[in-house]
Amino acid sequence: MTKEKDSNLYTIMNARKSVRVYDPSFKISQQEIEEIIKEATSAPSSSNLQAWRFLVIQDEKTKVELRAIANNQEQIETSSAVIAVLGNAEMYKKVEQIYTQNVEEGHMGEDIKDRTIKNTHQTYPYAPLEARKNIATFDAGLITMQLLLIAKERGFDTVTMGGFDKEKFTERFELPEHIFPIALIAIGKAAAPAFGSSRLPLDEIVQFI
C-alpha cells in the first residue's frame, strides 16, 4: 500500500536546486543561520557523537579571501554567507557530555549510558584516523542535506561545494589538528534561476535480490 506523500516535504525536495548566482545585497541574519543549523542537528550520526562542526563566514573581506581558496567560485563572495562543514576526528571525546544529556532528557537510563560510554572509549580512540575521518564525513553528508532542505523551506537558496583547497582552508582558518574541512555551503537569495538536472533511470542504480 502506497502511503500518501507529504506534499510540503516533496515540494521542498523538488524545489531545491544548486544555485550559483546570488543577490549580493541580500543578507541573512546570524540568528536565522543559527536556527537553520540547530534544526539540522536532528540528523542521525554514528553513535550519536555528532562529529560535525561549522564555521560560518559572513565577513565580506574574509569571503574574498575564501573565494581565492575555492577556485574563484563567484557564489563564495556574492552569497549571504558560506557555511563551512567541518569534521571532528576526535568525536569520541564528547561521549560523556552527550550521553549524560541523553539521561537528563529522559532518552535512556544510566545503565545504557555507562555501557555506551565504555564501548566508545574501547573502540573509537583506537580506530585509524582515516576511519574516524570517514565516519565524520559520512555524518556531515547527512546533516548537510538536512541543512539544504531547511534553508529552502525558509525561502533561501544554497549550493554545496567540494572544490576548494582544503590545506589552504585549514591554514587560513587555523583549524586544530583534529578538525578538518569537508564541504562549503553558500546560502542566500538567488539572482538567477538554477539549472535543472536529470537523474539516471532507477534500473541503472537499484538492484533487488
N, C-alpha and C. Protein backbone atom coordinates (compact mmCIF):
# COMPACT_ATOMS: atom_id res chain seq x y z
N MET A 1 0.84 -1.20 0.00
CA MET A 1 0.00 0.00 0.00
C MET A 1 0.88 1.25 0.00
N THR A 2 0.66 2.16 -0.92
CA THR A 2 1.47 3.36 -1.03
C THR A 2 0.95 4.45 -0.09
N LYS A 3 1.85 4.93 0.76
CA LYS A 3 1.47 5.98 1.70
C LYS A 3 1.38 7.32 0.95
N GLU A 4 0.41 8.11 1.32
CA GLU A 4 0.25 9.43 0.69
C GLU A 4 1.46 10.30 1.01
N LYS A 5 1.98 10.96 0.02
CA LYS A 5 3.17 11.79 0.20
C LYS A 5 2.85 13.05 1.00
N ASP A 6 3.82 13.45 1.82
CA ASP A 6 3.76 14.74 2.49
C ASP A 6 4.07 15.80 1.44
N SER A 7 3.06 16.50 0.98
CA SER A 7 3.23 17.42 -0.16
C SER A 7 4.25 18.50 0.14
N ASN A 8 4.31 18.97 1.39
CA ASN A 8 5.25 20.03 1.72
C ASN A 8 6.69 19.53 1.60
N LEU A 9 6.96 18.33 2.12
CA LEU A 9 8.29 17.75 2.03
C LEU A 9 8.71 17.57 0.57
N TYR A 10 7.84 16.97 -0.23
CA TYR A 10 8.20 16.69 -1.61
C TYR A 10 8.31 17.97 -2.44
N THR A 11 7.51 18.96 -2.11
CA THR A 11 7.61 20.25 -2.80
C THR A 11 8.97 20.87 -2.54
N ILE A 12 9.43 20.84 -1.28
CA ILE A 12 10.72 21.40 -0.93
C ILE A 12 11.85 20.62 -1.59
N MET A 13 11.76 19.29 -1.54
CA MET A 13 12.80 18.46 -2.15
C MET A 13 12.95 18.76 -3.63
N ASN A 14 11.84 18.91 -4.33
CA ASN A 14 11.88 19.14 -5.77
C ASN A 14 12.23 20.58 -6.13
N ALA A 15 11.95 21.49 -5.20
CA ALA A 15 12.24 22.91 -5.46
C ALA A 15 13.71 23.25 -5.21
N ARG A 16 14.35 22.46 -4.35
CA ARG A 16 15.74 22.76 -4.01
C ARG A 16 16.65 22.47 -5.21
N LYS A 17 17.38 23.49 -5.62
CA LYS A 17 18.34 23.36 -6.71
C LYS A 17 19.65 23.99 -6.29
N SER A 18 20.72 23.64 -6.98
CA SER A 18 22.03 24.21 -6.68
C SER A 18 22.15 25.57 -7.36
N VAL A 19 22.04 26.62 -6.58
CA VAL A 19 22.05 28.00 -7.10
C VAL A 19 23.47 28.56 -7.02
N ARG A 20 23.93 29.13 -8.14
CA ARG A 20 25.29 29.67 -8.19
C ARG A 20 25.34 31.17 -8.45
N VAL A 21 24.17 31.78 -8.70
CA VAL A 21 24.12 33.23 -8.92
C VAL A 21 23.25 33.84 -7.82
N TYR A 22 23.87 34.68 -6.99
CA TYR A 22 23.18 35.22 -5.81
C TYR A 22 23.07 36.73 -5.84
N ASP A 23 22.07 37.23 -5.13
CA ASP A 23 21.90 38.66 -4.94
C ASP A 23 22.85 39.10 -3.83
N PRO A 24 23.91 39.84 -4.14
CA PRO A 24 24.90 40.20 -3.12
C PRO A 24 24.37 41.17 -2.07
N SER A 25 23.24 41.83 -2.36
CA SER A 25 22.68 42.78 -1.39
C SER A 25 21.79 42.11 -0.35
N PHE A 26 21.46 40.83 -0.57
CA PHE A 26 20.57 40.11 0.35
C PHE A 26 21.39 39.50 1.48
N LYS A 27 20.97 39.77 2.71
CA LYS A 27 21.70 39.28 3.87
C LYS A 27 20.79 38.46 4.78
N ILE A 28 21.33 37.38 5.30
CA ILE A 28 20.63 36.53 6.27
C ILE A 28 21.27 36.78 7.63
N SER A 29 20.46 36.95 8.64
CA SER A 29 20.98 37.26 9.96
C SER A 29 21.70 36.06 10.58
N GLN A 30 22.59 36.35 11.51
CA GLN A 30 23.27 35.28 12.24
C GLN A 30 22.27 34.41 12.98
N GLN A 31 21.25 35.05 13.55
CA GLN A 31 20.24 34.30 14.30
C GLN A 31 19.54 33.27 13.42
N GLU A 32 19.20 33.67 12.19
CA GLU A 32 18.49 32.75 11.31
C GLU A 32 19.40 31.59 10.89
N ILE A 33 20.67 31.88 10.64
CA ILE A 33 21.60 30.81 10.30
C ILE A 33 21.76 29.86 11.48
N GLU A 34 21.83 30.40 12.68
CA GLU A 34 21.92 29.56 13.87
C GLU A 34 20.70 28.65 13.99
N GLU A 35 19.53 29.19 13.70
CA GLU A 35 18.30 28.40 13.79
C GLU A 35 18.30 27.27 12.76
N ILE A 36 18.77 27.56 11.55
CA ILE A 36 18.83 26.55 10.49
C ILE A 36 19.76 25.41 10.90
N ILE A 37 20.93 25.77 11.40
CA ILE A 37 21.89 24.75 11.80
C ILE A 37 21.37 23.94 12.98
N LYS A 38 20.75 24.61 13.94
CA LYS A 38 20.20 23.89 15.10
C LYS A 38 19.15 22.89 14.67
N GLU A 39 18.27 23.28 13.76
CA GLU A 39 17.24 22.36 13.27
C GLU A 39 17.88 21.19 12.52
N ALA A 40 18.94 21.47 11.79
CA ALA A 40 19.61 20.42 11.02
C ALA A 40 20.29 19.39 11.90
N THR A 41 20.63 19.75 13.13
CA THR A 41 21.32 18.81 14.02
C THR A 41 20.44 17.66 14.48
N SER A 42 19.20 17.62 14.04
CA SER A 42 18.36 16.44 14.31
C SER A 42 18.78 15.27 13.43
N ALA A 43 19.71 15.50 12.51
CA ALA A 43 20.21 14.43 11.63
C ALA A 43 20.86 13.32 12.46
N PRO A 44 20.79 12.08 11.98
CA PRO A 44 21.46 10.99 12.69
C PRO A 44 22.97 11.09 12.56
N SER A 45 23.68 10.48 13.52
CA SER A 45 25.13 10.43 13.44
C SER A 45 25.63 9.15 14.10
N SER A 46 26.81 8.74 13.74
CA SER A 46 27.39 7.50 14.25
C SER A 46 27.53 7.56 15.76
N SER A 47 26.88 6.62 16.46
CA SER A 47 26.90 6.55 17.93
C SER A 47 26.42 7.85 18.57
N ASN A 48 25.69 8.66 17.81
CA ASN A 48 25.19 9.96 18.27
C ASN A 48 26.33 10.88 18.74
N LEU A 49 27.52 10.72 18.16
CA LEU A 49 28.66 11.52 18.59
C LEU A 49 28.74 12.86 17.88
N GLN A 50 27.92 13.07 16.86
CA GLN A 50 27.75 14.39 16.25
C GLN A 50 29.10 15.01 15.86
N ALA A 51 29.80 14.31 14.97
CA ALA A 51 31.16 14.71 14.61
C ALA A 51 31.22 15.93 13.69
N TRP A 52 30.11 16.57 13.45
CA TRP A 52 30.09 17.75 12.59
C TRP A 52 30.43 19.01 13.38
N ARG A 53 31.08 19.93 12.71
CA ARG A 53 31.34 21.27 13.23
C ARG A 53 31.12 22.25 12.08
N PHE A 54 30.88 23.52 12.39
CA PHE A 54 30.58 24.50 11.35
C PHE A 54 31.34 25.80 11.59
N LEU A 55 31.79 26.39 10.51
CA LEU A 55 32.39 27.72 10.54
C LEU A 55 31.58 28.57 9.56
N VAL A 56 30.91 29.59 10.08
CA VAL A 56 30.05 30.44 9.24
C VAL A 56 30.80 31.72 8.89
N ILE A 57 30.96 31.95 7.61
CA ILE A 57 31.76 33.09 7.14
C ILE A 57 30.82 34.11 6.52
N GLN A 58 30.68 35.25 7.19
CA GLN A 58 29.82 36.33 6.73
C GLN A 58 30.62 37.59 6.36
N ASP A 59 31.77 37.75 6.96
CA ASP A 59 32.60 38.94 6.72
C ASP A 59 32.99 39.03 5.26
N GLU A 60 32.75 40.19 4.66
CA GLU A 60 32.95 40.35 3.22
C GLU A 60 34.43 40.20 2.82
N LYS A 61 35.34 40.75 3.58
CA LYS A 61 36.76 40.64 3.26
C LYS A 61 37.22 39.18 3.35
N THR A 62 36.70 38.48 4.34
CA THR A 62 37.08 37.08 4.51
C THR A 62 36.54 36.24 3.36
N LYS A 63 35.35 36.58 2.88
CA LYS A 63 34.78 35.85 1.74
C LYS A 63 35.63 36.05 0.48
N VAL A 64 36.20 37.22 0.32
CA VAL A 64 37.09 37.47 -0.82
C VAL A 64 38.30 36.55 -0.73
N GLU A 65 38.87 36.42 0.47
CA GLU A 65 39.99 35.51 0.67
C GLU A 65 39.59 34.07 0.39
N LEU A 66 38.40 33.70 0.86
CA LEU A 66 37.94 32.33 0.68
C LEU A 66 37.70 32.03 -0.79
N ARG A 67 37.23 33.00 -1.55
CA ARG A 67 36.99 32.79 -2.98
C ARG A 67 38.28 32.36 -3.68
N ALA A 68 39.40 32.94 -3.28
CA ALA A 68 40.68 32.57 -3.88
C ALA A 68 41.06 31.14 -3.53
N ILE A 69 40.66 30.69 -2.34
CA ILE A 69 40.95 29.33 -1.90
C ILE A 69 40.02 28.33 -2.58
N ALA A 70 38.83 28.82 -2.98
CA ALA A 70 37.78 27.94 -3.52
C ALA A 70 37.65 28.07 -5.04
N ASN A 71 38.77 28.06 -5.73
CA ASN A 71 38.77 28.03 -7.20
C ASN A 71 37.99 29.17 -7.84
N ASN A 72 38.00 30.32 -7.17
CA ASN A 72 37.39 31.55 -7.71
C ASN A 72 35.89 31.40 -7.99
N GLN A 73 35.20 30.59 -7.20
CA GLN A 73 33.76 30.42 -7.39
C GLN A 73 33.02 31.67 -6.91
N GLU A 74 32.29 32.27 -7.82
CA GLU A 74 31.65 33.57 -7.57
C GLU A 74 30.70 33.54 -6.38
N GLN A 75 29.97 32.43 -6.19
CA GLN A 75 28.97 32.36 -5.13
C GLN A 75 29.57 32.47 -3.74
N ILE A 76 30.86 32.21 -3.61
CA ILE A 76 31.53 32.39 -2.32
C ILE A 76 31.40 33.84 -1.87
N GLU A 77 31.55 34.74 -2.82
CA GLU A 77 31.56 36.17 -2.49
C GLU A 77 30.18 36.81 -2.53
N THR A 78 29.29 36.33 -3.41
CA THR A 78 28.00 37.01 -3.60
C THR A 78 26.89 36.46 -2.71
N SER A 79 27.04 35.27 -2.17
CA SER A 79 26.01 34.72 -1.28
C SER A 79 26.03 35.48 0.04
N SER A 80 24.99 35.30 0.82
CA SER A 80 24.90 35.99 2.11
C SER A 80 25.95 35.48 3.08
N ALA A 81 26.18 34.18 3.04
CA ALA A 81 27.17 33.58 3.94
C ALA A 81 27.65 32.27 3.34
N VAL A 82 28.78 31.82 3.81
CA VAL A 82 29.29 30.50 3.46
C VAL A 82 29.42 29.70 4.75
N ILE A 83 28.76 28.55 4.75
CA ILE A 83 28.84 27.67 5.92
C ILE A 83 29.84 26.57 5.58
N ALA A 84 30.96 26.56 6.27
CA ALA A 84 31.95 25.50 6.09
C ALA A 84 31.57 24.34 6.99
N VAL A 85 31.40 23.17 6.39
CA VAL A 85 31.08 21.96 7.14
C VAL A 85 32.40 21.26 7.47
N LEU A 86 32.66 21.09 8.74
CA LEU A 86 33.91 20.51 9.21
C LEU A 86 33.65 19.19 9.92
N GLY A 87 34.67 18.36 9.96
CA GLY A 87 34.57 17.09 10.69
C GLY A 87 35.47 17.10 11.90
N ASN A 88 35.04 16.40 12.94
CA ASN A 88 35.81 16.28 14.18
C ASN A 88 36.29 14.84 14.30
N ALA A 89 37.58 14.61 14.08
CA ALA A 89 38.13 13.25 14.13
C ALA A 89 38.27 12.73 15.56
N GLU A 90 38.06 13.60 16.54
CA GLU A 90 38.10 13.19 17.95
C GLU A 90 36.71 13.30 18.56
N MET A 91 35.71 12.88 17.79
CA MET A 91 34.32 12.99 18.22
C MET A 91 34.02 12.25 19.51
N TYR A 92 34.78 11.20 19.78
CA TYR A 92 34.55 10.37 20.97
C TYR A 92 34.78 11.12 22.28
N LYS A 93 35.51 12.23 22.22
CA LYS A 93 35.80 12.98 23.45
C LYS A 93 34.57 13.70 24.00
N LYS A 94 33.49 13.75 23.24
CA LYS A 94 32.23 14.37 23.68
C LYS A 94 31.24 13.34 24.21
N VAL A 95 31.64 12.05 24.29
CA VAL A 95 30.68 11.00 24.60
C VAL A 95 30.05 11.17 25.98
N GLU A 96 30.84 11.55 26.99
CA GLU A 96 30.26 11.72 28.33
C GLU A 96 29.23 12.84 28.35
N GLN A 97 29.56 13.96 27.73
CA GLN A 97 28.64 15.10 27.69
C GLN A 97 27.34 14.73 26.98
N ILE A 98 27.46 14.06 25.85
CA ILE A 98 26.28 13.72 25.05
C ILE A 98 25.38 12.74 25.77
N TYR A 99 25.98 11.68 26.32
CA TYR A 99 25.14 10.64 26.93
C TYR A 99 24.63 11.02 28.31
N THR A 100 25.33 11.91 29.00
CA THR A 100 24.79 12.46 30.25
C THR A 100 23.55 13.29 29.94
N GLN A 101 23.61 14.06 28.86
CA GLN A 101 22.45 14.85 28.44
C GLN A 101 21.31 13.94 28.02
N ASN A 102 21.63 12.81 27.36
CA ASN A 102 20.59 11.85 26.98
C ASN A 102 19.81 11.37 28.20
N VAL A 103 20.53 11.09 29.28
CA VAL A 103 19.89 10.63 30.51
C VAL A 103 19.05 11.76 31.12
N GLU A 104 19.63 12.95 31.17
CA GLU A 104 18.93 14.10 31.76
C GLU A 104 17.63 14.40 31.03
N GLU A 105 17.61 14.17 29.72
CA GLU A 105 16.41 14.45 28.92
C GLU A 105 15.47 13.25 28.87
N GLY A 106 15.82 12.18 29.55
CA GLY A 106 14.93 11.03 29.65
C GLY A 106 14.95 10.09 28.47
N HIS A 107 16.01 10.13 27.67
CA HIS A 107 16.08 9.27 26.49
C HIS A 107 16.59 7.87 26.80
N MET A 108 17.27 7.70 27.93
CA MET A 108 17.82 6.40 28.29
C MET A 108 18.16 6.37 29.77
N GLY A 109 18.45 5.18 30.27
CA GLY A 109 18.82 5.04 31.66
C GLY A 109 20.33 5.08 31.85
N GLU A 110 20.75 5.13 33.12
CA GLU A 110 22.17 5.19 33.45
C GLU A 110 22.93 3.97 32.96
N ASP A 111 22.28 2.80 32.97
CA ASP A 111 22.98 1.57 32.56
C ASP A 111 23.38 1.62 31.09
N ILE A 112 22.46 2.09 30.25
CA ILE A 112 22.78 2.19 28.82
C ILE A 112 23.84 3.27 28.60
N LYS A 113 23.72 4.38 29.31
CA LYS A 113 24.72 5.45 29.20
C LYS A 113 26.10 4.92 29.53
N ASP A 114 26.24 4.27 30.67
CA ASP A 114 27.55 3.78 31.11
C ASP A 114 28.12 2.76 30.13
N ARG A 115 27.26 1.86 29.63
CA ARG A 115 27.72 0.85 28.68
C ARG A 115 28.19 1.49 27.37
N THR A 116 27.44 2.48 26.90
CA THR A 116 27.79 3.14 25.64
C THR A 116 29.10 3.92 25.78
N ILE A 117 29.26 4.62 26.88
CA ILE A 117 30.50 5.37 27.10
C ILE A 117 31.70 4.42 27.15
N LYS A 118 31.54 3.31 27.85
CA LYS A 118 32.62 2.33 27.94
C LYS A 118 32.97 1.78 26.56
N ASN A 119 31.96 1.39 25.80
CA ASN A 119 32.20 0.84 24.46
C ASN A 119 32.86 1.86 23.54
N THR A 120 32.43 3.12 23.66
CA THR A 120 33.02 4.18 22.83
C THR A 120 34.50 4.35 23.12
N HIS A 121 34.85 4.38 24.40
CA HIS A 121 36.25 4.55 24.78
C HIS A 121 37.11 3.34 24.41
N GLN A 122 36.46 2.20 24.24
CA GLN A 122 37.20 0.98 23.89
C GLN A 122 37.40 0.84 22.38
N THR A 123 36.67 1.62 21.60
CA THR A 123 36.74 1.46 20.14
C THR A 123 37.25 2.70 19.40
N TYR A 124 36.57 3.81 19.54
CA TYR A 124 36.87 4.99 18.72
C TYR A 124 38.31 5.48 18.83
N PRO A 125 38.89 5.61 20.04
CA PRO A 125 40.26 6.14 20.11
C PRO A 125 41.28 5.25 19.41
N TYR A 126 40.98 3.97 19.25
CA TYR A 126 41.92 3.03 18.65
C TYR A 126 41.66 2.79 17.17
N ALA A 127 40.59 3.37 16.66
CA ALA A 127 40.30 3.26 15.23
C ALA A 127 41.30 4.12 14.45
N PRO A 128 41.71 3.69 13.26
CA PRO A 128 42.64 4.52 12.45
C PRO A 128 42.04 5.89 12.18
N LEU A 129 42.91 6.89 12.08
CA LEU A 129 42.45 8.25 11.80
C LEU A 129 41.60 8.31 10.55
N GLU A 130 41.99 7.59 9.52
CA GLU A 130 41.22 7.59 8.27
C GLU A 130 39.80 7.08 8.49
N ALA A 131 39.66 6.05 9.32
CA ALA A 131 38.33 5.50 9.61
C ALA A 131 37.47 6.52 10.34
N ARG A 132 38.07 7.23 11.29
CA ARG A 132 37.31 8.24 12.04
C ARG A 132 36.94 9.42 11.15
N LYS A 133 37.82 9.77 10.22
CA LYS A 133 37.50 10.84 9.27
C LYS A 133 36.38 10.41 8.34
N ASN A 134 36.38 9.14 7.94
CA ASN A 134 35.30 8.63 7.09
C ASN A 134 33.96 8.69 7.80
N ILE A 135 33.95 8.36 9.08
CA ILE A 135 32.72 8.43 9.87
C ILE A 135 32.21 9.87 9.93
N ALA A 136 33.12 10.79 10.24
CA ALA A 136 32.73 12.20 10.34
C ALA A 136 32.24 12.74 9.00
N THR A 137 32.87 12.31 7.92
CA THR A 137 32.48 12.77 6.58
C THR A 137 31.10 12.25 6.21
N PHE A 138 30.83 10.99 6.52
CA PHE A 138 29.52 10.41 6.25
C PHE A 138 28.44 11.16 7.03
N ASP A 139 28.68 11.40 8.31
CA ASP A 139 27.71 12.10 9.14
C ASP A 139 27.51 13.54 8.66
N ALA A 140 28.58 14.15 8.17
CA ALA A 140 28.48 15.52 7.64
C ALA A 140 27.56 15.57 6.43
N GLY A 141 27.57 14.50 5.62
CA GLY A 141 26.67 14.45 4.48
C GLY A 141 25.22 14.43 4.90
N LEU A 142 24.94 13.71 5.98
CA LEU A 142 23.56 13.62 6.46
C LEU A 142 23.05 14.98 6.94
N ILE A 143 23.86 15.67 7.73
CA ILE A 143 23.39 16.96 8.26
C ILE A 143 23.39 18.03 7.17
N THR A 144 24.30 17.92 6.20
CA THR A 144 24.32 18.89 5.11
C THR A 144 23.02 18.84 4.31
N MET A 145 22.53 17.64 4.00
CA MET A 145 21.30 17.53 3.25
C MET A 145 20.13 18.12 4.02
N GLN A 146 20.09 17.86 5.32
CA GLN A 146 19.01 18.46 6.13
C GLN A 146 19.11 19.99 6.11
N LEU A 147 20.31 20.49 6.20
CA LEU A 147 20.51 21.94 6.20
C LEU A 147 20.01 22.56 4.90
N LEU A 148 20.31 21.91 3.78
CA LEU A 148 19.86 22.43 2.48
C LEU A 148 18.34 22.50 2.39
N LEU A 149 17.68 21.45 2.87
CA LEU A 149 16.21 21.41 2.80
C LEU A 149 15.58 22.41 3.76
N ILE A 150 16.15 22.55 4.95
CA ILE A 150 15.61 23.51 5.92
C ILE A 150 15.78 24.93 5.38
N ALA A 151 16.93 25.21 4.78
CA ALA A 151 17.15 26.53 4.20
C ALA A 151 16.12 26.83 3.11
N LYS A 152 15.84 25.83 2.26
CA LYS A 152 14.86 26.02 1.19
C LYS A 152 13.47 26.26 1.77
N GLU A 153 13.13 25.51 2.82
CA GLU A 153 11.82 25.68 3.45
C GLU A 153 11.66 27.10 3.98
N ARG A 154 12.76 27.72 4.37
CA ARG A 154 12.72 29.08 4.90
C ARG A 154 12.84 30.13 3.80
N GLY A 155 12.94 29.69 2.54
CA GLY A 155 12.97 30.63 1.43
C GLY A 155 14.35 31.01 0.94
N PHE A 156 15.37 30.29 1.38
CA PHE A 156 16.74 30.60 0.98
C PHE A 156 17.24 29.59 -0.05
N ASP A 157 18.26 29.99 -0.77
CA ASP A 157 18.87 29.13 -1.79
C ASP A 157 20.27 28.73 -1.35
N THR A 158 20.74 27.60 -1.85
CA THR A 158 22.03 27.07 -1.43
C THR A 158 22.74 26.37 -2.58
N VAL A 159 24.02 26.14 -2.38
CA VAL A 159 24.79 25.24 -3.24
C VAL A 159 25.93 24.69 -2.39
N THR A 160 26.20 23.40 -2.55
CA THR A 160 27.34 22.80 -1.85
C THR A 160 28.54 22.78 -2.78
N MET A 161 29.71 22.89 -2.17
CA MET A 161 30.96 22.94 -2.94
C MET A 161 32.02 22.08 -2.28
N GLY A 162 32.60 21.19 -3.07
CA GLY A 162 33.72 20.40 -2.59
C GLY A 162 35.02 20.84 -3.24
N GLY A 163 34.91 21.72 -4.23
CA GLY A 163 36.08 22.16 -4.98
C GLY A 163 36.77 23.34 -4.33
N PHE A 164 37.57 23.05 -3.33
CA PHE A 164 38.38 24.10 -2.70
C PHE A 164 39.64 23.46 -2.14
N ASP A 165 40.65 24.27 -1.90
CA ASP A 165 41.93 23.78 -1.40
C ASP A 165 41.81 23.57 0.10
N LYS A 166 41.68 22.35 0.51
CA LYS A 166 41.44 22.05 1.92
C LYS A 166 42.65 22.36 2.80
N GLU A 167 43.83 22.19 2.25
CA GLU A 167 45.03 22.52 3.03
C GLU A 167 45.11 24.02 3.28
N LYS A 168 44.87 24.82 2.25
CA LYS A 168 44.90 26.27 2.42
C LYS A 168 43.78 26.74 3.34
N PHE A 169 42.60 26.09 3.23
CA PHE A 169 41.50 26.44 4.12
C PHE A 169 41.90 26.18 5.56
N THR A 170 42.49 25.04 5.82
CA THR A 170 42.91 24.67 7.17
C THR A 170 43.91 25.68 7.72
N GLU A 171 44.85 26.10 6.87
CA GLU A 171 45.85 27.07 7.29
C GLU A 171 45.23 28.45 7.55
N ARG A 172 44.37 28.89 6.63
CA ARG A 172 43.79 30.24 6.75
C ARG A 172 42.94 30.37 8.00
N PHE A 173 42.17 29.35 8.31
CA PHE A 173 41.26 29.44 9.45
C PHE A 173 41.79 28.74 10.70
N GLU A 174 43.07 28.36 10.64
CA GLU A 174 43.80 27.85 11.80
C GLU A 174 43.03 26.74 12.51
N LEU A 175 42.61 25.76 11.72
CA LEU A 175 41.86 24.65 12.30
C LEU A 175 42.79 23.78 13.15
N PRO A 176 42.33 23.34 14.31
CA PRO A 176 43.14 22.41 15.10
C PRO A 176 43.33 21.10 14.36
N GLU A 177 44.29 20.32 14.79
CA GLU A 177 44.69 19.13 14.05
C GLU A 177 43.56 18.13 13.85
N HIS A 178 42.65 18.03 14.83
CA HIS A 178 41.59 17.01 14.75
C HIS A 178 40.35 17.50 14.00
N ILE A 179 40.34 18.76 13.56
CA ILE A 179 39.21 19.32 12.81
C ILE A 179 39.64 19.48 11.36
N PHE A 180 38.81 19.00 10.42
CA PHE A 180 39.18 19.06 9.02
C PHE A 180 37.99 19.50 8.16
N PRO A 181 38.25 20.24 7.06
CA PRO A 181 37.16 20.73 6.20
C PRO A 181 36.61 19.64 5.30
N ILE A 182 35.30 19.65 5.09
CA ILE A 182 34.63 18.66 4.25
C ILE A 182 33.96 19.32 3.05
N ALA A 183 33.15 20.34 3.30
CA ALA A 183 32.40 20.98 2.21
C ALA A 183 32.10 22.42 2.58
N LEU A 184 31.75 23.20 1.57
CA LEU A 184 31.29 24.58 1.76
C LEU A 184 29.86 24.67 1.25
N ILE A 185 29.04 25.44 1.97
CA ILE A 185 27.65 25.69 1.54
C ILE A 185 27.46 27.18 1.41
N ALA A 186 27.18 27.65 0.19
CA ALA A 186 26.79 29.05 0.01
C ALA A 186 25.28 29.15 0.25
N ILE A 187 24.86 30.17 0.99
CA ILE A 187 23.44 30.36 1.28
C ILE A 187 23.08 31.82 1.07
N GLY A 188 21.93 32.05 0.44
CA GLY A 188 21.49 33.40 0.17
C GLY A 188 20.21 33.40 -0.64
N LYS A 189 20.06 34.39 -1.49
CA LYS A 189 18.88 34.54 -2.33
C LYS A 189 19.30 34.53 -3.80
N ALA A 190 18.68 33.64 -4.57
CA ALA A 190 19.05 33.50 -5.98
C ALA A 190 18.79 34.80 -6.75
N ALA A 191 19.73 35.13 -7.62
CA ALA A 191 19.56 36.27 -8.53
C ALA A 191 19.27 35.80 -9.94
N ALA A 192 19.36 34.50 -10.15
CA ALA A 192 19.04 33.88 -11.45
C ALA A 192 18.64 32.44 -11.16
N PRO A 193 17.74 31.89 -11.97
CA PRO A 193 17.30 30.52 -11.71
C PRO A 193 18.42 29.51 -11.88
N ALA A 194 18.36 28.44 -11.09
CA ALA A 194 19.35 27.37 -11.20
C ALA A 194 19.02 26.49 -12.40
N PHE A 195 20.02 25.80 -12.90
CA PHE A 195 19.78 24.82 -13.95
C PHE A 195 19.04 23.62 -13.38
N GLY A 196 18.16 23.04 -14.18
CA GLY A 196 17.58 21.77 -13.81
C GLY A 196 18.61 20.68 -13.99
N SER A 197 18.30 19.47 -13.55
CA SER A 197 19.25 18.37 -13.71
C SER A 197 18.49 17.06 -13.87
N SER A 198 19.05 16.18 -14.67
CA SER A 198 18.43 14.88 -14.92
C SER A 198 18.93 13.86 -13.92
N ARG A 199 18.25 12.71 -13.86
CA ARG A 199 18.67 11.62 -12.99
C ARG A 199 18.70 10.32 -13.78
N LEU A 200 19.62 9.45 -13.43
CA LEU A 200 19.71 8.16 -14.08
C LEU A 200 18.45 7.34 -13.83
N PRO A 201 18.06 6.49 -14.76
CA PRO A 201 16.89 5.63 -14.55
C PRO A 201 17.11 4.73 -13.33
N LEU A 202 16.03 4.40 -12.65
CA LEU A 202 16.11 3.60 -11.44
C LEU A 202 16.76 2.25 -11.69
N ASP A 203 16.48 1.66 -12.85
CA ASP A 203 17.02 0.32 -13.10
C ASP A 203 18.54 0.32 -13.32
N GLU A 204 19.13 1.51 -13.43
CA GLU A 204 20.58 1.60 -13.55
C GLU A 204 21.27 1.83 -12.21
N ILE A 205 20.51 2.14 -11.18
CA ILE A 205 21.11 2.42 -9.89
C ILE A 205 20.62 1.52 -8.75
N VAL A 206 19.57 0.74 -9.01
CA VAL A 206 18.99 -0.11 -7.97
C VAL A 206 18.93 -1.56 -8.44
N GLN A 207 19.29 -2.45 -7.55
CA GLN A 207 19.16 -3.88 -7.83
C GLN A 207 18.47 -4.55 -6.65
N PHE A 208 17.44 -5.32 -6.92
CA PHE A 208 16.76 -6.09 -5.89
C PHE A 208 17.20 -7.54 -5.99
N ILE A 209 17.54 -8.15 -4.86
CA ILE A 209 17.95 -9.54 -4.88
C ILE A 209 17.20 -10.35 -3.82
